[in-house]
PDB file of N, CA and C in Angstrom:
ATOM      1  N   MET A   1     -14.263 -23.881   6.986  1.00  0.00           N
ATOM      2  CA  MET A   1     -13.925 -22.541   6.519  1.00  0.00           C
ATOM      3  C   MET A   1     -12.415 -22.344   6.646  1.00  0.00           C
ATOM      4  N   GLY A   2     -11.814 -21.737   5.629  1.00  0.00           N
ATOM      5  CA  GLY A   2     -10.371 -21.557   5.608  1.00  0.00           C
ATOM      6  C   GLY A   2      -9.940 -20.215   6.167  1.00  0.00           C
ATOM      7  N   THR A   3      -8.652 -19.957   6.023  1.00  0.00           N
ATOM      8  CA  THR A   3      -8.111 -18.664   6.438  1.00  0.00           C
ATOM      9  C   THR A   3      -8.597 -17.593   5.478  1.00  0.00           C
ATOM     10  N   ASP A   4      -8.423 -16.345   5.859  1.00  0.00           N
ATOM     11  CA  ASP A   4      -8.813 -15.237   4.978  1.00  0.00           C
ATOM     12  C   ASP A   4      -8.150 -15.365   3.615  1.00  0.00           C
ATOM     13  N   LEU A   5      -6.863 -15.684   3.601  1.00  0.00           N
ATOM     14  CA  LEU A   5      -6.136 -15.807   2.341  1.00  0.00           C
ATOM     15  C   LEU A   5      -6.687 -16.952   1.499  1.00  0.00           C
ATOM     16  N   GLU A   6      -7.013 -18.078   2.106  1.00  0.00           N
ATOM     17  CA  GLU A   6      -7.583 -19.207   1.371  1.00  0.00           C
ATOM     18  C   GLU A   6      -8.933 -18.847   0.765  1.00  0.00           C
ATOM     19  N   ILE A   7      -9.742 -18.109   1.501  1.00  0.00           N
ATOM     20  CA  ILE A   7     -11.057 -17.685   1.009  1.00  0.00           C
ATOM     21  C   ILE A   7     -10.898 -16.747  -0.184  1.00  0.00           C
ATOM     22  N   VAL A   8      -9.984 -15.776  -0.090  1.00  0.00           N
ATOM     23  CA  VAL A   8      -9.759 -14.839  -1.196  1.00  0.00           C
ATOM     24  C   VAL A   8      -9.269 -15.590  -2.427  1.00  0.00           C
ATOM     25  N   LYS A   9      -8.350 -16.539  -2.252  1.00  0.00           N
ATOM     26  CA  LYS A   9      -7.846 -17.326  -3.386  1.00  0.00           C
ATOM     27  C   LYS A   9      -8.973 -18.107  -4.044  1.00  0.00           C
ATOM     28  N   GLU A  10      -9.870 -18.661  -3.238  1.00  0.00           N
ATOM     29  CA  GLU A  10     -10.993 -19.425  -3.786  1.00  0.00           C
ATOM     30  C   GLU A  10     -11.966 -18.521  -4.539  1.00  0.00           C
ATOM     31  N   VAL A  11     -12.292 -17.386  -3.960  1.00  0.00           N
ATOM     32  CA  VAL A  11     -13.250 -16.467  -4.584  1.00  0.00           C
ATOM     33  C   VAL A  11     -12.700 -15.901  -5.890  1.00  0.00           C
ATOM     34  N   PHE A  12     -11.417 -15.497  -5.903  1.00  0.00           N
ATOM     35  CA  PHE A  12     -10.834 -14.865  -7.085  1.00  0.00           C
ATOM     36  C   PHE A  12     -10.139 -15.854  -8.012  1.00  0.00           C
ATOM     37  N   GLY A  13     -10.040 -17.122  -7.609  1.00  0.00           N
ATOM     38  CA  GLY A  13      -9.456 -18.145  -8.464  1.00  0.00           C
ATOM     39  C   GLY A  13      -7.987 -17.924  -8.766  1.00  0.00           C
ATOM     40  N   SER A  14      -7.237 -17.411  -7.826  1.00  0.00           N
ATOM     41  CA  SER A  14      -5.830 -17.126  -8.058  1.00  0.00           C
ATOM     42  C   SER A  14      -4.971 -17.804  -7.001  1.00  0.00           C
ATOM     43  N   GLN A  15      -3.836 -18.290  -7.426  1.00  0.00           N
ATOM     44  CA  GLN A  15      -2.865 -18.861  -6.496  1.00  0.00           C
ATOM     45  C   GLN A  15      -1.680 -17.915  -6.310  1.00  0.00           C
ATOM     46  N   GLN A  16      -1.756 -16.725  -6.886  1.00  0.00           N
ATOM     47  CA  GLN A  16      -0.635 -15.793  -6.843  1.00  0.00           C
ATOM     48  C   GLN A  16      -0.801 -14.723  -5.770  1.00  0.00           C
ATOM     49  N   LEU A  17      -1.717 -14.905  -4.855  1.00  0.00           N
ATOM     50  CA  LEU A  17      -1.922 -13.926  -3.789  1.00  0.00           C
ATOM     51  C   LEU A  17      -1.007 -14.235  -2.612  1.00  0.00           C
ATOM     52  N   ARG A  18      -0.556 -13.159  -1.959  1.00  0.00           N
ATOM     53  CA  ARG A  18       0.281 -13.318  -0.774  1.00  0.00           C
ATOM     54  C   ARG A  18      -0.230 -12.384   0.315  1.00  0.00           C
ATOM     55  N   GLU A  19      -0.081 -12.803   1.547  1.00  0.00           N
ATOM     56  CA  GLU A  19      -0.420 -11.930   2.656  1.00  0.00           C
ATOM     57  C   GLU A  19       0.709 -10.937   2.865  1.00  0.00           C
ATOM     58  N   MET A  20       0.345  -9.703   3.210  1.00  0.00           N
ATOM     59  CA  MET A  20       1.336  -8.664   3.491  1.00  0.00           C
ATOM     60  C   MET A  20       0.914  -7.903   4.734  1.00  0.00           C
ATOM     61  N   GLU A  21       1.859  -7.271   5.342  1.00  0.00           N
ATOM     62  CA  GLU A  21       1.540  -6.384   6.450  1.00  0.00           C
ATOM     63  C   GLU A  21       0.879  -5.125   5.891  1.00  0.00           C
ATOM     64  N   HIS A  22       0.164  -4.417   6.727  1.00  0.00           N
ATOM     65  CA  HIS A  22      -0.709  -3.319   6.326  1.00  0.00           C
ATOM     66  C   HIS A  22       0.001  -2.193   5.563  1.00  0.00           C
ATOM     67  N   HIS A  23       1.013  -1.607   6.143  1.00  0.00           N
ATOM     68  CA  HIS A  23       1.667  -0.448   5.530  1.00  0.00           C
ATOM     69  C   HIS A  23       2.478  -0.803   4.284  1.00  0.00           C
ATOM     70  N   PRO A  24       3.239  -1.897   4.289  1.00  0.00           N
ATOM     71  CA  PRO A  24       3.895  -2.291   3.048  1.00  0.00           C
ATOM     72  C   PRO A  24       2.899  -2.606   1.921  1.00  0.00           C
ATOM     73  N   ALA A  25       1.697  -3.049   2.267  1.00  0.00           N
ATOM     74  CA  ALA A  25       0.680  -3.307   1.235  1.00  0.00           C
ATOM     75  C   ALA A  25       0.279  -2.014   0.529  1.00  0.00           C
ATOM     76  N   HIS A  26       0.139  -0.928   1.282  1.00  0.00           N
ATOM     77  CA  HIS A  26      -0.148   0.367   0.658  1.00  0.00           C
ATOM     78  C   HIS A  26       0.963   0.736  -0.332  1.00  0.00           C
ATOM     79  N   ALA A  27       2.206   0.579   0.110  1.00  0.00           N
ATOM     80  CA  ALA A  27       3.349   0.946  -0.729  1.00  0.00           C
ATOM     81  C   ALA A  27       3.432   0.058  -1.963  1.00  0.00           C
ATOM     82  N   ALA A  28       3.231  -1.240  -1.797  1.00  0.00           N
ATOM     83  CA  ALA A  28       3.296  -2.166  -2.928  1.00  0.00           C
ATOM     84  C   ALA A  28       2.213  -1.865  -3.956  1.00  0.00           C
ATOM     85  N   GLY A  29       1.008  -1.585  -3.484  1.00  0.00           N
ATOM     86  CA  GLY A  29      -0.078  -1.257  -4.401  1.00  0.00           C
ATOM     87  C   GLY A  29       0.218  -0.011  -5.209  1.00  0.00           C
ATOM     88  N   ALA A  30       0.732   0.995  -4.542  1.00  0.00           N
ATOM     89  CA  ALA A  30       1.061   2.248  -5.236  1.00  0.00           C
ATOM     90  C   ALA A  30       2.176   2.023  -6.247  1.00  0.00           C
ATOM     91  N   PHE A  31       3.202   1.292  -5.853  1.00  0.00           N
ATOM     92  CA  PHE A  31       4.341   1.070  -6.750  1.00  0.00           C
ATOM     93  C   PHE A  31       3.961   0.196  -7.945  1.00  0.00           C
ATOM     94  N   CYS A  32       3.257  -0.882  -7.699  1.00  0.00           N
ATOM     95  CA  CYS A  32       2.908  -1.805  -8.788  1.00  0.00           C
ATOM     96  C   CYS A  32       2.053  -1.143  -9.858  1.00  0.00           C
ATOM     97  N   LEU A  33       1.227  -0.206  -9.469  1.00  0.00           N
ATOM     98  CA  LEU A  33       0.353   0.473 -10.423  1.00  0.00           C
ATOM     99  C   LEU A  33       0.981   1.727 -11.030  1.00  0.00           C
ATOM    100  N   SER A  34       2.137   2.135 -10.527  1.00  0.00           N
ATOM    101  CA  SER A  34       2.718   3.413 -10.940  1.00  0.00           C
ATOM    102  C   SER A  34       3.378   3.389 -12.315  1.00  0.00           C
ATOM    103  N   GLY A  35       3.967   2.283 -12.683  1.00  0.00           N
ATOM    104  CA  GLY A  35       4.703   2.223 -13.942  1.00  0.00           C
ATOM    105  C   GLY A  35       6.141   2.708 -13.822  1.00  0.00           C
ATOM    106  N   PHE A  36       6.544   3.195 -12.662  1.00  0.00           N
ATOM    107  CA  PHE A  36       7.915   3.652 -12.465  1.00  0.00           C
ATOM    108  C   PHE A  36       8.846   2.473 -12.236  1.00  0.00           C
ATOM    109  N   GLU A  37      10.105   2.623 -12.627  1.00  0.00           N
ATOM    110  CA  GLU A  37      11.110   1.602 -12.369  1.00  0.00           C
ATOM    111  C   GLU A  37      11.633   1.674 -10.941  1.00  0.00           C
ATOM    112  N   LYS A  38      11.721   2.885 -10.410  1.00  0.00           N
ATOM    113  CA  LYS A  38      12.155   3.114  -9.031  1.00  0.00           C
ATOM    114  C   LYS A  38      11.236   4.158  -8.422  1.00  0.00           C
ATOM    115  N   SER A  39      10.947   4.008  -7.140  1.00  0.00           N
ATOM    116  CA  SER A  39      10.063   4.973  -6.477  1.00  0.00           C
ATOM    117  C   SER A  39      10.419   5.114  -5.007  1.00  0.00           C
ATOM    118  N   LEU A  40      10.262   6.317  -4.517  1.00  0.00           N
ATOM    119  CA  LEU A  40      10.271   6.580  -3.091  1.00  0.00           C
ATOM    120  C   LEU A  40       8.805   6.735  -2.719  1.00  0.00           C
ATOM    121  N   ILE A  41       8.320   5.865  -1.860  1.00  0.00           N
ATOM    122  CA  ILE A  41       6.893   5.813  -1.542  1.00  0.00           C
ATOM    123  C   ILE A  41       6.688   6.223  -0.096  1.00  0.00           C
ATOM    124  N   ILE A  42       5.777   7.140   0.107  1.00  0.00           N
ATOM    125  CA  ILE A  42       5.417   7.595   1.451  1.00  0.00           C
ATOM    126  C   ILE A  42       4.006   7.116   1.730  1.00  0.00           C
ATOM    127  N   SER A  43       3.842   6.374   2.819  1.00  0.00           N
ATOM    128  CA  SER A  43       2.531   5.871   3.220  1.00  0.00           C
ATOM    129  C   SER A  43       2.119   6.577   4.505  1.00  0.00           C
ATOM    130  N   TYR A  44       0.984   7.232   4.446  1.00  0.00           N
ATOM    131  CA  TYR A  44       0.438   7.888   5.637  1.00  0.00           C
ATOM    132  C   TYR A  44      -1.054   7.623   5.652  1.00  0.00           C
ATOM    133  N   ASP A  45      -1.518   6.821   6.592  1.00  0.00           N
ATOM    134  CA  ASP A  45      -2.935   6.466   6.571  1.00  0.00           C
ATOM    135  C   ASP A  45      -3.638   6.623   7.912  1.00  0.00           C
ATOM    136  N   GLY A  46      -2.917   6.959   8.949  1.00  0.00           N
ATOM    137  CA  GLY A  46      -3.570   7.194  10.238  1.00  0.00           C
ATOM    138  C   GLY A  46      -4.059   5.949  10.939  1.00  0.00           C
ATOM    139  N   GLY A  47      -3.587   4.773  10.559  1.00  0.00           N
ATOM    140  CA  GLY A  47      -4.048   3.566  11.250  1.00  0.00           C
ATOM    141  C   GLY A  47      -3.423   2.327  10.667  1.00  0.00           C
ATOM    142  N   GLY A  48      -4.130   1.244  10.819  1.00  0.00           N
ATOM    143  CA  GLY A  48      -3.652  -0.044  10.318  1.00  0.00           C
ATOM    144  C   GLY A  48      -3.590  -1.044  11.439  1.00  0.00           C
ATOM    145  N   ASP A  49      -3.064  -2.209  11.124  1.00  0.00           N
ATOM    146  CA  ASP A  49      -3.016  -3.278  12.112  1.00  0.00           C
ATOM    147  C   ASP A  49      -1.858  -3.113  13.088  1.00  0.00           C
ATOM    148  N   ASP A  50      -0.864  -2.340  12.720  1.00  0.00           N
ATOM    149  CA  ASP A  50       0.334  -2.087  13.523  1.00  0.00           C
ATOM    150  C   ASP A  50       1.053  -3.366  13.942  1.00  0.00           C
ATOM    151  N   LEU A  51       0.804  -4.463  13.238  1.00  0.00           N
ATOM    152  CA  LEU A  51       1.495  -5.710  13.547  1.00  0.00           C
ATOM    153  C   LEU A  51       2.937  -5.692  13.069  1.00  0.00           C
ATOM    154  N   ASP A  52       3.199  -4.824  12.093  1.00  0.00           N
ATOM    155  CA  ASP A  52       4.545  -4.777  11.534  1.00  0.00           C
ATOM    156  C   ASP A  52       5.464  -3.848  12.313  1.00  0.00           C
ATOM    157  N   GLY A  53       4.965  -3.247  13.386  1.00  0.00           N
ATOM    158  CA  GLY A  53       5.781  -2.371  14.205  1.00  0.00           C
ATOM    159  C   GLY A  53       6.003  -1.001  13.603  1.00  0.00           C
ATOM    160  N   LEU A  54       5.360  -0.724  12.489  1.00  0.00           N
ATOM    161  CA  LEU A  54       5.516   0.560  11.828  1.00  0.00           C
ATOM    162  C   LEU A  54       4.474   1.545  12.337  1.00  0.00           C
ATOM    163  N   ASN A  55       4.769   2.799  12.205  1.00  0.00           N
ATOM    164  CA  ASN A  55       3.838   3.829  12.629  1.00  0.00           C
ATOM    165  C   ASN A  55       2.916   4.206  11.482  1.00  0.00           C
ATOM    166  N   PHE A  56       2.170   5.280  11.659  1.00  0.00           N
ATOM    167  CA  PHE A  56       1.230   5.728  10.649  1.00  0.00           C
ATOM    168  C   PHE A  56       1.936   6.298   9.423  1.00  0.00           C
ATOM    169  N   PHE A  57       3.143   6.761   9.584  1.00  0.00           N
ATOM    170  CA  PHE A  57       3.907   7.406   8.517  1.00  0.00           C
ATOM    171  C   PHE A  57       5.128   6.551   8.221  1.00  0.00           C
ATOM    172  N   THR A  58       5.208   6.001   7.027  1.00  0.00           N
ATOM    173  CA  THR A  58       6.337   5.156   6.670  1.00  0.00           C
ATOM    174  C   THR A  58       6.835   5.512   5.274  1.00  0.00           C
ATOM    175  N   VAL A  59       8.105   5.264   5.032  1.00  0.00           N
ATOM    176  CA  VAL A  59       8.729   5.550   3.748  1.00  0.00           C
ATOM    177  C   VAL A  59       9.378   4.259   3.241  1.00  0.00           C
ATOM    178  N   PHE A  60       9.175   3.985   1.957  1.00  0.00           N
ATOM    179  CA  PHE A  60       9.725   2.799   1.327  1.00  0.00           C
ATOM    180  C   PHE A  60      10.445   3.197   0.059  1.00  0.00           C
ATOM    181  N   LEU A  61      11.481   2.450  -0.289  1.00  0.00           N
ATOM    182  CA  LEU A  61      12.170   2.605  -1.561  1.00  0.00           C
ATOM    183  C   LEU A  61      11.913   1.335  -2.347  1.00  0.00           C
ATOM    184  N   ALA A  62      11.357   1.480  -3.547  1.00  0.00           N
ATOM    185  CA  ALA A  62      11.013   0.314  -4.361  1.00  0.00           C
ATOM    186  C   ALA A  62      11.784   0.341  -5.670  1.00  0.00           C
ATOM    187  N   ASP A  63      12.134  -0.827  -6.142  1.00  0.00           N
ATOM    188  CA  ASP A  63      12.880  -0.978  -7.379  1.00  0.00           C
ATOM    189  C   ASP A  63      12.417  -2.263  -8.041  1.00  0.00           C
ATOM    190  N   ARG A  64      12.063  -2.165  -9.300  1.00  0.00           N
ATOM    191  CA  ARG A  64      11.606  -3.368 -10.010  1.00  0.00           C
ATOM    192  C   ARG A  64      12.798  -4.246 -10.295  1.00  0.00           C
TER     193      ARG A  64
END
């Protein structure tokens, strides 16, 4: 049995997946689906893995 990422790649047949930390993943998902060229993204979810050292409330600036 492989890592979580290896299993997801096998199930979905994609080699373009990357692991991300919890809170930046929320921001990336919102930005990628938004259609905006630039965005100020606020992530507030009340939890997560906290491995990235971020709190429940984080702000990101994204630019394509």
